[in-house]
Amino acid sequence: MSTIGRPSAVKILVLLHILLPVLTLVRTLLPRRLFLLRPYAPTPVANWLVTIIFVTIDLVLAYGLWKGKKWAWVSALVWSLLGMASSIFELFLRPLAGEFILLIIELVIVYLLMQPGVQHYFRKGLTRLQEGAAHK
């Protein structure tokens, strides 16, 4: 856990990683024409399985980001880049407002993760000597 004060951007990141599972559940529960998104999988059972996996990943990332875990920073970046690629691909297939909203959220997450204060909070780029001094 980081001993550095939690920046506001990290709090926003955590909120976004809590918002994404909510949107994922709404995507699965509501008819797709209401939310303007396609389901993840062609069958309802597979769709629910993918939904549970995505919700779990986002909630684990929210927890790790809140606690200042280094793995959470890297994982959130990779997860957001994959989400961006998926949204862009979906937008090319059939543009829907929901996919555009998800793309914007993923872009905001990547932007926030790249902020110097956020990177410092997760001790990105610190040498072992600097990291040891930060704990004192």
C-alpha atoms as a PDB file:
ATOM      1  CA  MET A   1       0.000   0.000   0.000  1.00  0.00           C
ATOM      2  CA  SER A   2       1.284   3.431  -0.874  1.00  0.00           C
ATOM      3  CA  THR A   3       2.084   5.867   1.920  1.00  0.00           C
ATOM      4  CA  ILE A   4       1.709   8.827  -0.442  1.00  0.00           C
ATOM      5  CA  GLY A   5      -1.581  10.759  -0.192  1.00  0.00           C
ATOM      6  CA  ARG A   6      -4.197   9.451  -2.624  1.00  0.00           C
ATOM      7  CA  PRO A   7      -4.573  11.917  -5.537  1.00  0.00           C
ATOM      8  CA  SER A   8      -8.030  12.962  -6.720  1.00  0.00           C
ATOM      9  CA  ALA A   9      -7.298  11.342 -10.087  1.00  0.00           C
ATOM     10  CA  VAL A  10      -6.944   7.962  -8.354  1.00  0.00           C
ATOM     11  CA  LYS A  11     -10.318   8.465  -6.685  1.00  0.00           C
ATOM     12  CA  ILE A  12     -11.821   9.210 -10.107  1.00  0.00           C
ATOM     13  CA  LEU A  13     -10.143   6.088 -11.526  1.00  0.00           C
ATOM     14  CA  VAL A  14     -11.700   3.976  -8.783  1.00  0.00           C
ATOM     15  CA  LEU A  15     -15.128   5.504  -9.461  1.00  0.00           C
ATOM     16  CA  LEU A  16     -14.772   4.796 -13.186  1.00  0.00           C
ATOM     17  CA  HIS A  17     -13.811   1.184 -12.451  1.00  0.00           C
ATOM     18  CA  ILE A  18     -16.956   0.917 -10.334  1.00  0.00           C
ATOM     19  CA  LEU A  19     -19.068   2.627 -13.027  1.00  0.00           C
ATOM     20  CA  LEU A  20     -17.886   0.221 -15.738  1.00  0.00           C
ATOM     21  CA  PRO A  21     -19.300  -2.896 -13.985  1.00  0.00           C
ATOM     22  CA  VAL A  22     -22.588  -1.055 -13.481  1.00  0.00           C
ATOM     23  CA  LEU A  23     -22.701  -0.259 -17.201  1.00  0.00           C
ATOM     24  CA  THR A  24     -21.757  -3.859 -17.969  1.00  0.00           C
ATOM     25  CA  LEU A  25     -24.638  -5.152 -15.852  1.00  0.00           C
ATOM     26  CA  VAL A  26     -27.046  -2.671 -17.450  1.00  0.00           C
ATOM     27  CA  ARG A  27     -25.776  -3.791 -20.850  1.00  0.00           C
ATOM     28  CA  THR A  28     -26.624  -7.383 -19.973  1.00  0.00           C
ATOM     29  CA  LEU A  29     -29.970  -6.762 -18.257  1.00  0.00           C
ATOM     30  CA  LEU A  30     -31.597  -4.298 -20.622  1.00  0.00           C
ATOM     31  CA  PRO A  31     -32.512  -4.948 -24.230  1.00  0.00           C
ATOM     32  CA  ARG A  32     -29.578  -3.797 -26.311  1.00  0.00           C
ATOM     33  CA  ARG A  33     -31.624  -1.260 -28.247  1.00  0.00           C
ATOM     34  CA  LEU A  34     -32.245   0.641 -24.996  1.00  0.00           C
ATOM     35  CA  PHE A  35     -28.572   0.889 -24.062  1.00  0.00           C
ATOM     36  CA  LEU A  36     -27.284   1.075 -27.642  1.00  0.00           C
ATOM     37  CA  LEU A  37     -24.721  -1.696 -27.131  1.00  0.00           C
ATOM     38  CA  ARG A  38     -24.358  -5.189 -28.458  1.00  0.00           C
ATOM     39  CA  PRO A  39     -24.231  -8.158 -26.080  1.00  0.00           C
ATOM     40  CA  TYR A  40     -20.826  -9.747 -25.523  1.00  0.00           C
ATOM     41  CA  ALA A  41     -21.798 -13.216 -26.671  1.00  0.00           C
ATOM     42  CA  PRO A  42     -24.526 -14.678 -28.898  1.00  0.00           C
ATOM     43  CA  THR A  43     -26.173 -16.833 -26.202  1.00  0.00           C
ATOM     44  CA  PRO A  44     -27.634 -15.585 -22.903  1.00  0.00           C
ATOM     45  CA  VAL A  45     -25.593 -18.021 -20.776  1.00  0.00           C
ATOM     46  CA  ALA A  46     -22.326 -17.081 -22.458  1.00  0.00           C
ATOM     47  CA  ASN A  47     -23.258 -13.408 -22.239  1.00  0.00           C
ATOM     48  CA  TRP A  48     -23.807 -13.709 -18.461  1.00  0.00           C
ATOM     49  CA  LEU A  49     -20.521 -15.603 -18.037  1.00  0.00           C
ATOM     50  CA  VAL A  50     -18.587 -12.890 -19.867  1.00  0.00           C
ATOM     51  CA  THR A  51     -20.441 -10.225 -17.875  1.00  0.00           C
ATOM     52  CA  ILE A  52     -19.489 -11.835 -14.551  1.00  0.00           C
ATOM     53  CA  ILE A  53     -15.840 -12.040 -15.642  1.00  0.00           C
ATOM     54  CA  PHE A  54     -15.749  -8.387 -16.771  1.00  0.00           C
ATOM     55  CA  VAL A  55     -17.499  -7.133 -13.632  1.00  0.00           C
ATOM     56  CA  THR A  56     -15.081  -9.090 -11.417  1.00  0.00           C
ATOM     57  CA  ILE A  57     -12.024  -7.756 -13.251  1.00  0.00           C
ATOM     58  CA  ASP A  58     -13.203  -4.146 -12.969  1.00  0.00           C
ATOM     59  CA  LEU A  59     -14.010  -4.487  -9.266  1.00  0.00           C
ATOM     60  CA  VAL A  60     -10.627  -6.105  -8.533  1.00  0.00           C
ATOM     61  CA  LEU A  61      -8.947  -3.266 -10.440  1.00  0.00           C
ATOM     62  CA  ALA A  62     -10.936  -0.683  -8.449  1.00  0.00           C
ATOM     63  CA  TYR A  63      -9.752  -2.303  -5.198  1.00  0.00           C
ATOM     64  CA  GLY A  64      -6.128  -2.447  -6.355  1.00  0.00           C
ATOM     65  CA  LEU A  65      -6.192   1.159  -7.543  1.00  0.00           C
ATOM     66  CA  TRP A  66      -7.673   2.308  -4.231  1.00  0.00           C
ATOM     67  CA  LYS A  67      -4.963   0.461  -2.296  1.00  0.00           C
ATOM     68  CA  GLY A  68      -2.186   1.840  -4.538  1.00  0.00           C
ATOM     69  CA  LYS A  69      -1.014  -1.535  -5.822  1.00  0.00           C
ATOM     70  CA  LYS A  70       1.528  -1.415  -8.666  1.00  0.00           C
ATOM     71  CA  TRP A  71      -0.098  -4.387 -10.395  1.00  0.00           C
ATOM     72  CA  ALA A  72      -3.384  -2.483 -10.504  1.00  0.00           C
ATOM     73  CA  TRP A  73      -1.839   0.423 -12.422  1.00  0.00           C
ATOM     74  CA  VAL A  74      -0.381  -1.883 -15.074  1.00  0.00           C
ATOM     75  CA  SER A  75      -3.505  -4.055 -15.224  1.00  0.00           C
ATOM     76  CA  ALA A  76      -5.835  -1.039 -15.475  1.00  0.00           C
ATOM     77  CA  LEU A  77      -3.743   0.357 -18.324  1.00  0.00           C
ATOM     78  CA  VAL A  78      -3.762  -2.939 -20.238  1.00  0.00           C
ATOM     79  CA  TRP A  79      -7.476  -3.509 -19.529  1.00  0.00           C
ATOM     80  CA  SER A  80      -8.335   0.010 -20.740  1.00  0.00           C
ATOM     81  CA  LEU A  81      -6.245  -0.318 -23.884  1.00  0.00           C
ATOM     82  CA  LEU A  82      -8.011  -3.597 -24.675  1.00  0.00           C
ATOM     83  CA  GLY A  83     -11.352  -1.905 -23.996  1.00  0.00           C
ATOM     84  CA  MET A  84     -10.421   0.954 -26.324  1.00  0.00           C
ATOM     85  CA  ALA A  85      -9.435  -1.455 -29.085  1.00  0.00           C
ATOM     86  CA  SER A  86     -12.693  -3.369 -28.637  1.00  0.00           C
ATOM     87  CA  SER A  87     -14.791  -0.184 -28.710  1.00  0.00           C
ATOM     88  CA  ILE A  88     -13.022   1.096 -31.825  1.00  0.00           C
ATOM     89  CA  PHE A  89     -13.561  -2.261 -33.530  1.00  0.00           C
ATOM     90  CA  GLU A  90     -17.256  -2.238 -32.541  1.00  0.00           C
ATOM     91  CA  LEU A  91     -17.645   1.349 -33.763  1.00  0.00           C
ATOM     92  CA  PHE A  92     -16.348   0.330 -37.182  1.00  0.00           C
ATOM     93  CA  LEU A  93     -18.770  -2.603 -37.380  1.00  0.00           C
ATOM     94  CA  ARG A  94     -21.863  -0.638 -36.423  1.00  0.00           C
ATOM     95  CA  PRO A  95     -21.581   2.705 -34.674  1.00  0.00           C
ATOM     96  CA  LEU A  96     -23.692   2.892 -31.528  1.00  0.00           C
ATOM     97  CA  ALA A  97     -23.761   5.614 -28.880  1.00  0.00           C
ATOM     98  CA  GLY A  98     -23.037   3.161 -26.064  1.00  0.00           C
ATOM     99  CA  GLU A  99     -19.778   2.016 -27.658  1.00  0.00           C
ATOM    100  CA  PHE A 100     -18.751   5.641 -28.082  1.00  0.00           C
ATOM    101  CA  ILE A 101     -19.456   6.321 -24.390  1.00  0.00           C
ATOM    102  CA  LEU A 102     -17.377   3.304 -23.356  1.00  0.00           C
ATOM    103  CA  LEU A 103     -14.541   4.501 -25.610  1.00  0.00           C
ATOM    104  CA  ILE A 104     -14.604   7.931 -23.940  1.00  0.00           C
ATOM    105  CA  ILE A 105     -14.511   6.326 -20.471  1.00  0.00           C
ATOM    106  CA  GLU A 106     -11.530   4.164 -21.470  1.00  0.00           C
ATOM    107  CA  LEU A 107      -9.725   7.215 -22.899  1.00  0.00           C
ATOM    108  CA  VAL A 108     -10.294   9.110 -19.640  1.00  0.00           C
ATOM    109  CA  ILE A 109      -8.934   6.158 -17.652  1.00  0.00           C
ATOM    110  CA  VAL A 110      -5.761   5.998 -19.771  1.00  0.00           C
ATOM    111  CA  TYR A 111      -5.332   9.769 -19.513  1.00  0.00           C
ATOM    112  CA  LEU A 112      -5.656   9.667 -15.720  1.00  0.00           C
ATOM    113  CA  LEU A 113      -3.287   6.701 -15.406  1.00  0.00           C
ATOM    114  CA  MET A 114      -0.625   8.640 -17.307  1.00  0.00           C
ATOM    115  CA  GLN A 115      -0.768  11.696 -15.019  1.00  0.00           C
ATOM    116  CA  PRO A 116       2.482  12.281 -13.071  1.00  0.00           C
ATOM    117  CA  GLY A 117       0.707  12.428  -9.690  1.00  0.00           C
ATOM    118  CA  VAL A 118      -1.013   9.097 -10.348  1.00  0.00           C
ATOM    119  CA  GLN A 119       2.215   7.493 -11.528  1.00  0.00           C
ATOM    120  CA  HIS A 120       3.997   8.797  -8.438  1.00  0.00           C
ATOM    121  CA  TYR A 121       1.239   7.374  -6.219  1.00  0.00           C
ATOM    122  CA  PHE A 122       1.832   3.954  -7.771  1.00  0.00           C
ATOM    123  CA  ARG A 123       5.613   4.516  -7.589  1.00  0.00           C
ATOM    124  CA  LYS A 124       6.004   4.099 -11.346  1.00  0.00           C
ATOM    125  CA  GLY A 125       9.496   4.924 -12.548  1.00  0.00           C
ATOM    126  CA  LEU A 126      11.049   4.980  -9.068  1.00  0.00           C
ATOM    127  CA  THR A 127      14.269   3.126  -8.498  1.00  0.00           C
ATOM    128  CA  ARG A 128      14.465   0.698  -5.580  1.00  0.00           C
ATOM    129  CA  LEU A 129      16.504   3.243  -3.620  1.00  0.00           C
ATOM    130  CA  GLN A 130      13.924   5.998  -4.202  1.00  0.00           C
ATOM    131  CA  GLU A 131      11.091   3.598  -3.384  1.00  0.00           C
ATOM    132  CA  GLY A 132      12.750   2.669  -0.092  1.00  0.00           C
ATOM    133  CA  ALA A 133      13.127   6.359   0.799  1.00  0.00           C
ATOM    134  CA  ALA A 134       9.424   6.946  -0.007  1.00  0.00           C
ATOM    135  CA  HIS A 135       8.442   4.361   2.616  1.00  0.00           C
ATOM    136  CA  LYS A 136      10.401   6.138   5.384  1.00  0.00           C
END
